Amino acid sequence: MAPAGRQPKRTSAGQSYDSCSPSLPTNPSSYQTHTICSLPARPGCRALKMAGYLLLVIPSILMSLLVSRAPFMMTTIPQTTKPWADGPMKLITTPQYETKKTDIFTLGATHMALLHNSILRGYNSIYQQAPYIQEADKADFIGYSQAWHKFVKSHHDDEEESLFTKVEDLLDDKNVFAETHKEHESFLAGLGQFNEYLTSLSSPSDFSGTKLLDIMKGFQEPFESHFHSEISTIAGLAAHPNAPKEGTPEAANASLTFKKWGKSTVTKAGTADVVPFFLLNLDRTAEDGMWANWPPMPAPIKWGLINLAGAWHWGWWKFASCDAAGQPRELYALQSSGTEDKTKAEL
């Protein structure tokens, strides 16, 4: 019924209805077909229709935007004779591939080597492309390079604060990583200079590939040496007198320690930057494809980490060494550089 003091309007058939209510005619025996969206001049109806339209359209637009920016949509250029991300720093042969051993320390060192190789490919991809970055790509290349630094710094800190302590406790030996600690110190200053240079730029236009290469060359040797020797150190712990015997609860706990640390160390560093960087510098064809499904995770999760989380900084990943499927690809900045057998970085 209409509020007191206001007369209901009537239809052409003489039926009454309240113009401020979406209800049907008040005479139940002669309803006409009226719906909220069939009343043509109702502002409230138009607002509801618009809200419903937006609820349908906005998610579709956002999803289309994410998908269009996802790494799997990027064109993959086959490798050529141009330099790739396997130099100047040499990649690591995993202990398991080399020795076929499966003890907990060989497996732990192998998984560490795979992670290290992603970092090394990241370094190499920056080193090889830095001299050829075009003005329009400088901001993205700076972001890509900063993601590498964040990856390395987080990895180093997590080793020092978590993994090494757990392994020392397991072996009841506080000296097993004495040399490793010294190696870390040997490149941290140069790593800091790398980050300081990138963060101090007043504008992306100020970026100089030559300057960045000079900084990288300053810590390259100790960095490469450490990333290789740490793998040998961990694999060698299988011969430690306090190493747990295979098949014992202690061995199972040690294996779990490596697995838990491996799962958390990358994700805790940054889902939208470090994780895509890590996954897009994993060569799944390496060592006869032995690690094509590493790290083990459901395919939809891996796809989402690369293509949905990665879409946040989508412009960065064109500089990565591999595509979303883990296939090596020609380095982006070298595609039109005119180099064939060597780059400015090697001159």
Protein backbone atom coordinates (compact mmCIF):
# COMPACT_ATOMS: atom_id res chain seq x y z
CA MET A 1 0.00 0.00 0.00
CA ALA A 2 1.10 3.56 -0.58
CA PRO A 3 2.12 5.61 2.45
CA ALA A 4 -0.62 7.67 4.09
CA GLY A 5 -1.35 10.93 2.32
CA ARG A 6 -0.29 9.67 -1.11
CA GLN A 7 -2.73 8.15 -3.58
CA PRO A 8 -1.69 4.99 -5.43
CA LYS A 9 -1.35 5.33 -9.19
CA ARG A 10 -3.48 3.16 -11.42
CA THR A 11 -2.75 1.08 -14.46
CA SER A 12 -4.74 1.36 -17.66
CA ALA A 13 -6.86 -1.52 -16.37
CA GLY A 14 -7.67 0.36 -13.23
CA GLN A 15 -5.35 -1.65 -11.01
CA SER A 16 -3.35 0.15 -8.37
CA TYR A 17 0.35 -0.01 -7.64
CA ASP A 18 2.81 2.04 -5.60
CA SER A 19 5.26 3.86 -7.92
CA CYS A 20 7.97 3.81 -5.22
CA SER A 21 7.82 0.06 -4.81
CA PRO A 22 8.84 -2.70 -7.20
CA SER A 23 5.80 -4.77 -6.17
CA LEU A 24 3.26 -6.12 -8.62
CA PRO A 25 -0.31 -4.74 -8.88
CA THR A 26 -2.15 -5.06 -5.60
CA ASN A 27 -5.04 -6.97 -7.16
CA PRO A 28 -3.80 -10.61 -7.13
CA SER A 29 -6.44 -11.82 -9.53
CA SER A 30 -5.25 -9.68 -12.42
CA TYR A 31 -1.45 -9.52 -12.22
CA GLN A 32 0.27 -8.14 -15.28
CA THR A 33 3.83 -9.13 -16.08
CA HIS A 34 5.88 -6.61 -14.10
CA THR A 35 9.49 -7.08 -13.00
CA ILE A 36 11.97 -4.69 -11.48
CA CYS A 37 13.79 -4.34 -14.78
CA SER A 38 10.62 -3.92 -16.85
CA LEU A 39 9.69 -0.63 -15.19
CA PRO A 40 11.26 1.76 -17.70
CA ALA A 41 11.71 4.98 -15.80
CA ARG A 42 12.94 3.74 -12.41
CA PRO A 43 16.38 5.15 -11.40
CA GLY A 44 16.81 2.35 -8.85
CA CYS A 45 16.24 -0.26 -11.54
CA ARG A 46 18.89 1.29 -13.77
CA ALA A 47 21.39 1.30 -10.89
CA LEU A 48 20.76 -2.37 -10.17
CA LYS A 49 21.18 -3.28 -13.82
CA MET A 50 24.44 -1.31 -14.01
CA ALA A 51 25.77 -2.94 -10.81
CA GLY A 52 25.00 -6.39 -12.17
CA TYR A 53 26.69 -5.54 -15.44
CA LEU A 54 29.82 -4.32 -13.67
CA LEU A 55 29.96 -7.45 -11.50
CA LEU A 56 30.06 -9.53 -14.65
CA VAL A 57 32.39 -7.38 -16.72
CA ILE A 58 35.07 -6.21 -14.26
CA PRO A 59 36.36 -9.70 -13.30
CA SER A 60 36.49 -10.60 -16.99
CA ILE A 61 38.51 -7.48 -17.78
CA LEU A 62 40.91 -8.12 -14.90
CA MET A 63 41.41 -11.74 -15.89
CA SER A 64 42.00 -10.77 -19.52
CA LEU A 65 44.56 -8.19 -18.40
CA LEU A 66 46.38 -10.71 -16.21
CA VAL A 67 46.40 -13.36 -18.91
CA SER A 68 47.62 -10.92 -21.56
CA ARG A 69 50.54 -9.99 -19.32
CA ALA A 70 51.34 -13.52 -18.15
CA PRO A 71 54.74 -14.96 -19.07
CA PHE A 72 53.14 -17.84 -21.00
CA MET A 73 51.82 -15.28 -23.49
CA MET A 74 55.31 -14.01 -24.28
CA THR A 75 56.78 -15.03 -27.59
CA THR A 76 59.59 -17.53 -27.15
CA ILE A 77 62.53 -16.94 -29.46
CA PRO A 78 64.60 -20.09 -30.10
CA GLN A 79 68.21 -20.02 -29.01
CA THR A 80 70.79 -18.92 -31.56
CA THR A 81 74.56 -18.69 -31.58
CA LYS A 82 74.30 -15.55 -29.49
CA PRO A 83 75.42 -15.75 -25.85
CA TRP A 84 72.95 -17.17 -23.36
CA ALA A 85 72.67 -17.36 -19.57
CA ASP A 86 75.20 -20.18 -19.17
CA GLY A 87 78.04 -17.67 -18.93
CA PRO A 88 80.12 -15.86 -17.85
CA MET A 89 79.43 -17.65 -14.58
CA LYS A 90 79.66 -21.40 -15.01
CA LEU A 91 76.58 -23.39 -14.06
CA ILE A 92 76.76 -26.20 -11.48
CA THR A 93 76.52 -29.90 -12.25
CA THR A 94 74.23 -31.38 -9.61
CA PRO A 95 75.80 -34.01 -7.31
CA GLN A 96 72.97 -36.48 -7.92
CA TYR A 97 73.38 -36.28 -11.70
CA GLU A 98 77.15 -36.58 -11.40
CA THR A 99 77.41 -39.34 -8.76
CA LYS A 100 73.99 -41.07 -8.87
CA LYS A 101 74.03 -41.11 -5.06
CA THR A 102 70.78 -40.66 -3.14
CA ASP A 103 71.85 -40.03 0.46
CA ILE A 104 70.23 -37.08 2.23
CA PHE A 105 73.20 -34.76 1.82
CA THR A 106 73.64 -35.52 -1.88
CA LEU A 107 69.95 -34.82 -2.41
CA GLY A 108 70.10 -31.68 -0.27
CA ALA A 109 73.15 -30.43 -2.19
CA THR A 110 71.47 -31.25 -5.50
CA HIS A 111 68.38 -29.22 -4.71
CA MET A 112 70.59 -26.39 -3.51
CA ALA A 113 72.51 -26.58 -6.80
CA LEU A 114 69.28 -26.27 -8.79
CA LEU A 115 68.37 -23.16 -6.82
CA HIS A 116 71.90 -21.79 -7.23
CA ASN A 117 71.75 -22.37 -10.99
CA SER A 118 68.62 -20.24 -11.20
CA ILE A 119 70.52 -17.47 -9.43
CA LEU A 120 73.55 -17.93 -11.70
CA ARG A 121 71.39 -17.82 -14.83
CA GLY A 122 69.83 -14.68 -13.41
CA TYR A 123 73.25 -13.09 -12.97
CA ASN A 124 74.33 -14.15 -16.45
CA SER A 125 71.12 -12.88 -18.04
CA ILE A 126 71.69 -9.47 -16.45
CA TYR A 127 75.37 -9.43 -17.39
CA GLN A 128 74.80 -10.38 -21.02
CA GLN A 129 71.93 -7.97 -21.62
CA ALA A 130 73.02 -4.90 -19.64
CA PRO A 131 75.00 -3.28 -22.52
CA TYR A 132 72.04 -3.51 -24.91
CA ILE A 133 69.12 -2.19 -22.89
CA GLN A 134 67.06 0.32 -24.88
CA GLU A 135 65.66 3.47 -23.28
CA ALA A 136 62.10 2.13 -23.25
CA ASP A 137 63.20 -1.03 -21.42
CA LYS A 138 65.41 0.51 -18.74
CA ALA A 139 62.78 0.66 -15.99
CA ASP A 140 61.83 -3.00 -16.49
CA PHE A 141 65.47 -4.11 -16.60
CA ILE A 142 66.18 -2.26 -13.36
CA GLY A 143 63.22 -4.04 -11.76
CA TYR A 144 64.42 -7.42 -13.06
CA SER A 145 67.91 -6.76 -11.69
CA GLN A 146 66.55 -5.70 -8.31
CA ALA A 147 64.50 -8.91 -8.15
CA TRP A 148 67.75 -10.84 -8.63
CA HIS A 149 69.39 -8.94 -5.79
CA LYS A 150 66.42 -9.56 -3.53
CA PHE A 151 66.56 -13.27 -4.39
CA VAL A 152 70.27 -13.53 -3.55
CA LYS A 153 70.09 -11.47 -0.36
CA SER A 154 67.09 -13.38 0.97
CA HIS A 155 68.72 -16.70 0.09
CA HIS A 156 71.92 -15.74 1.90
CA ASP A 157 70.11 -14.51 5.01
CA ASP A 158 67.90 -17.60 5.17
CA GLU A 159 70.92 -19.90 4.97
CA GLU A 160 72.73 -18.06 7.74
CA GLU A 161 69.72 -17.72 10.03
CA SER A 162 68.01 -21.06 9.48
CA LEU A 163 69.49 -23.86 7.37
CA PHE A 164 73.10 -23.76 8.55
CA THR A 165 72.07 -23.68 12.20
CA LYS A 166 69.81 -26.70 11.76
CA VAL A 167 72.51 -28.72 10.00
CA GLU A 168 75.09 -27.77 12.63
CA ASP A 169 72.72 -28.97 15.35
CA LEU A 170 72.02 -32.17 13.43
CA LEU A 171 75.73 -32.99 13.17
CA ASP A 172 76.60 -31.51 16.58
CA ASP A 173 79.36 -29.55 14.89
CA LYS A 174 79.47 -25.75 14.79
CA ASN A 175 82.40 -25.65 12.38
CA VAL A 176 81.01 -27.42 9.30
CA PHE A 177 80.15 -24.11 7.62
CA ALA A 178 83.12 -22.08 8.87
CA GLU A 179 84.55 -21.61 5.36
CA THR A 180 81.10 -20.99 3.91
CA HIS A 181 80.56 -18.08 6.29
CA LYS A 182 83.85 -16.55 5.11
CA GLU A 183 82.84 -17.01 1.47
CA HIS A 184 79.60 -15.14 2.11
CA GLU A 185 81.52 -12.18 3.45
CA SER A 186 83.74 -12.10 0.36
CA PHE A 187 80.97 -10.93 -2.00
CA LEU A 188 78.44 -9.14 0.21
CA ALA A 189 80.08 -5.73 -0.23
CA GLY A 190 79.92 -5.99 -4.02
CA LEU A 191 76.35 -7.24 -3.85
CA GLY A 192 75.50 -4.19 -1.77
CA GLN A 193 77.08 -1.89 -4.36
CA PHE A 194 74.97 -3.57 -7.05
CA ASN A 195 71.77 -2.76 -5.19
CA GLU A 196 72.90 0.70 -4.13
CA TYR A 197 73.59 1.67 -7.73
CA LEU A 198 70.16 0.56 -8.93
CA THR A 199 68.25 2.17 -6.06
CA SER A 200 70.18 5.45 -6.29
CA LEU A 201 69.21 6.17 -9.90
CA SER A 202 67.12 9.33 -10.00
CA SER A 203 65.52 8.15 -13.24
CA PRO A 204 65.59 4.94 -15.31
CA SER A 205 67.17 7.04 -18.07
CA ASP A 206 70.28 7.37 -15.91
CA PHE A 207 70.91 3.63 -16.04
CA SER A 208 74.26 2.65 -17.55
CA GLY A 209 74.92 -0.94 -18.54
CA THR A 210 78.64 -0.25 -18.52
CA LYS A 211 78.51 0.97 -14.92
CA LEU A 212 76.50 -2.05 -13.81
CA LEU A 213 78.95 -4.43 -15.48
CA ASP A 214 81.86 -2.77 -13.69
CA ILE A 215 80.15 -3.42 -10.36
CA MET A 216 79.27 -7.02 -11.26
CA LYS A 217 82.81 -7.81 -12.34
CA GLY A 218 83.99 -6.66 -8.92
CA PHE A 219 82.28 -9.53 -7.06
CA GLN A 220 81.89 -12.10 -9.83
CA GLU A 221 84.85 -14.34 -8.94
CA PRO A 222 84.14 -14.81 -5.20
CA PHE A 223 80.41 -15.10 -5.92
CA GLU A 224 80.86 -17.87 -8.48
CA SER A 225 83.43 -19.67 -6.35
CA HIS A 226 81.13 -19.69 -3.33
CA PHE A 227 78.03 -20.85 -5.19
CA HIS A 228 79.98 -23.86 -6.46
CA SER A 229 81.92 -24.70 -3.30
CA GLU A 230 78.85 -24.60 -1.07
CA ILE A 231 77.38 -27.49 -3.05
CA SER A 232 80.54 -29.55 -2.54
CA THR A 233 80.49 -28.72 1.17
CA ILE A 234 76.92 -29.89 1.66
CA ALA A 235 77.38 -33.06 -0.40
CA GLY A 236 80.55 -33.85 1.56
CA LEU A 237 78.64 -33.87 4.85
CA ALA A 238 77.55 -37.43 4.02
CA ALA A 239 81.01 -38.49 5.23
CA HIS A 240 80.77 -36.59 8.52
CA PRO A 241 81.18 -38.93 11.52
CA ASN A 242 77.89 -37.70 12.98
CA ALA A 243 75.90 -37.97 9.76
CA PRO A 244 72.70 -39.95 10.38
CA LYS A 245 72.53 -43.44 8.92
CA GLU A 246 70.19 -44.08 6.03
CA GLY A 247 66.83 -45.47 7.12
CA THR A 248 66.98 -44.07 10.65
CA PRO A 249 64.57 -41.54 12.20
CA GLU A 250 67.45 -39.08 12.35
CA ALA A 251 67.98 -39.39 8.61
CA ALA A 252 64.26 -38.87 7.98
CA ASN A 253 64.30 -35.73 10.13
CA ALA A 254 67.37 -34.43 8.30
CA SER A 255 65.69 -34.99 4.95
CA LEU A 256 62.60 -33.18 6.19
CA THR A 257 64.77 -30.24 7.28
CA PHE A 258 66.13 -29.79 3.76
CA LYS A 259 62.69 -30.20 2.18
CA LYS A 260 60.98 -27.69 4.47
CA TRP A 261 63.73 -25.15 4.02
CA GLY A 262 63.72 -25.59 0.26
CA LYS A 263 59.96 -25.04 0.04
CA SER A 264 59.97 -21.89 2.12
CA THR A 265 63.18 -20.10 1.16
CA VAL A 266 62.00 -18.81 -2.22
CA THR A 267 58.34 -18.13 -1.46
CA LYS A 268 59.13 -16.14 1.68
CA ALA A 269 61.39 -13.88 -0.39
CA GLY A 270 58.52 -12.57 -2.53
CA THR A 271 55.65 -14.20 -4.42
CA ALA A 272 55.26 -11.49 -7.05
CA ASP A 273 58.95 -10.95 -7.83
CA VAL A 274 61.41 -13.55 -6.50
CA VAL A 275 59.22 -16.60 -7.19
CA PRO A 276 58.64 -15.77 -10.90
CA PHE A 277 62.32 -14.84 -11.23
CA PHE A 278 63.32 -18.21 -9.80
CA LEU A 279 60.93 -20.24 -11.96
CA LEU A 280 61.69 -18.33 -15.17
CA ASN A 281 65.40 -19.00 -14.79
CA LEU A 282 64.99 -22.76 -14.30
CA ASP A 283 66.11 -24.69 -17.36
CA ARG A 284 63.94 -27.81 -17.39
CA THR A 285 65.99 -29.30 -20.22
CA ALA A 286 69.21 -29.31 -18.18
CA GLU A 287 70.96 -32.59 -17.36
CA ASP A 288 68.93 -34.56 -19.89
CA GLY A 289 65.67 -33.19 -18.51
CA MET A 290 66.23 -34.87 -15.14
CA TRP A 291 64.72 -31.88 -13.32
CA ALA A 292 61.84 -31.12 -15.67
CA ASN A 293 59.34 -31.47 -12.81
CA TRP A 294 61.40 -29.76 -10.13
CA PRO A 295 60.46 -28.25 -7.77
CA PRO A 296 57.65 -30.74 -7.15
CA MET A 297 54.31 -28.95 -6.99
CA PRO A 298 50.89 -29.33 -8.61
CA ALA A 299 50.90 -28.01 -12.17
CA PRO A 300 48.07 -25.48 -11.54
CA ILE A 301 50.02 -24.02 -8.60
CA LYS A 302 53.17 -23.67 -10.68
CA TRP A 303 51.18 -22.13 -13.53
CA GLY A 304 49.60 -19.62 -11.16
CA LEU A 305 52.91 -18.63 -9.56
CA ILE A 306 54.41 -17.93 -12.97
CA ASN A 307 51.48 -16.45 -14.85
CA LEU A 308 49.24 -14.84 -12.22
CA ALA A 309 51.76 -13.77 -9.59
CA GLY A 310 54.21 -13.01 -12.40
CA ALA A 311 51.71 -10.75 -14.16
CA TRP A 312 52.20 -8.13 -11.45
CA HIS A 313 55.65 -7.26 -12.83
CA TRP A 314 55.01 -8.65 -16.29
CA GLY A 315 57.45 -6.31 -18.05
CA TRP A 316 60.41 -7.67 -16.11
CA TRP A 317 60.24 -11.26 -17.27
CA LYS A 318 61.12 -10.65 -20.91
CA PHE A 319 64.72 -10.57 -19.68
CA ALA A 320 64.53 -14.05 -18.11
CA SER A 321 66.57 -16.89 -19.58
CA CYS A 322 63.69 -19.37 -19.93
CA ASP A 323 60.04 -19.25 -20.89
CA ALA A 324 57.04 -20.27 -18.77
CA ALA A 325 57.54 -23.91 -19.78
CA GLY A 326 61.18 -23.88 -18.64
CA GLN A 327 62.60 -23.90 -22.16
CA PRO A 328 65.76 -21.84 -22.79
CA ARG A 329 65.12 -18.87 -25.04
CA GLU A 330 67.18 -16.18 -26.73
CA LEU A 331 67.90 -13.31 -24.39
CA TYR A 332 65.51 -10.46 -25.14
CA ALA A 333 67.99 -7.58 -25.35
CA LEU A 334 70.23 -9.54 -27.72
CA GLN A 335 67.49 -10.23 -30.28
CA SER A 336 68.25 -7.04 -32.19
CA SER A 337 71.73 -6.32 -30.89
CA GLY A 338 73.53 -7.61 -33.97
CA THR A 339 75.79 -9.89 -31.95
CA GLU A 340 76.40 -13.47 -32.96
CA ASP A 341 79.34 -15.09 -31.25
CA LYS A 342 80.09 -12.63 -28.50
CA THR A 343 78.71 -9.58 -26.76
CA LYS A 344 80.11 -6.33 -25.54
CA ALA A 345 80.13 -7.92 -22.10
CA GLU A 346 82.86 -10.27 -23.27
CA LEU A 347 85.07 -7.70 -25.00
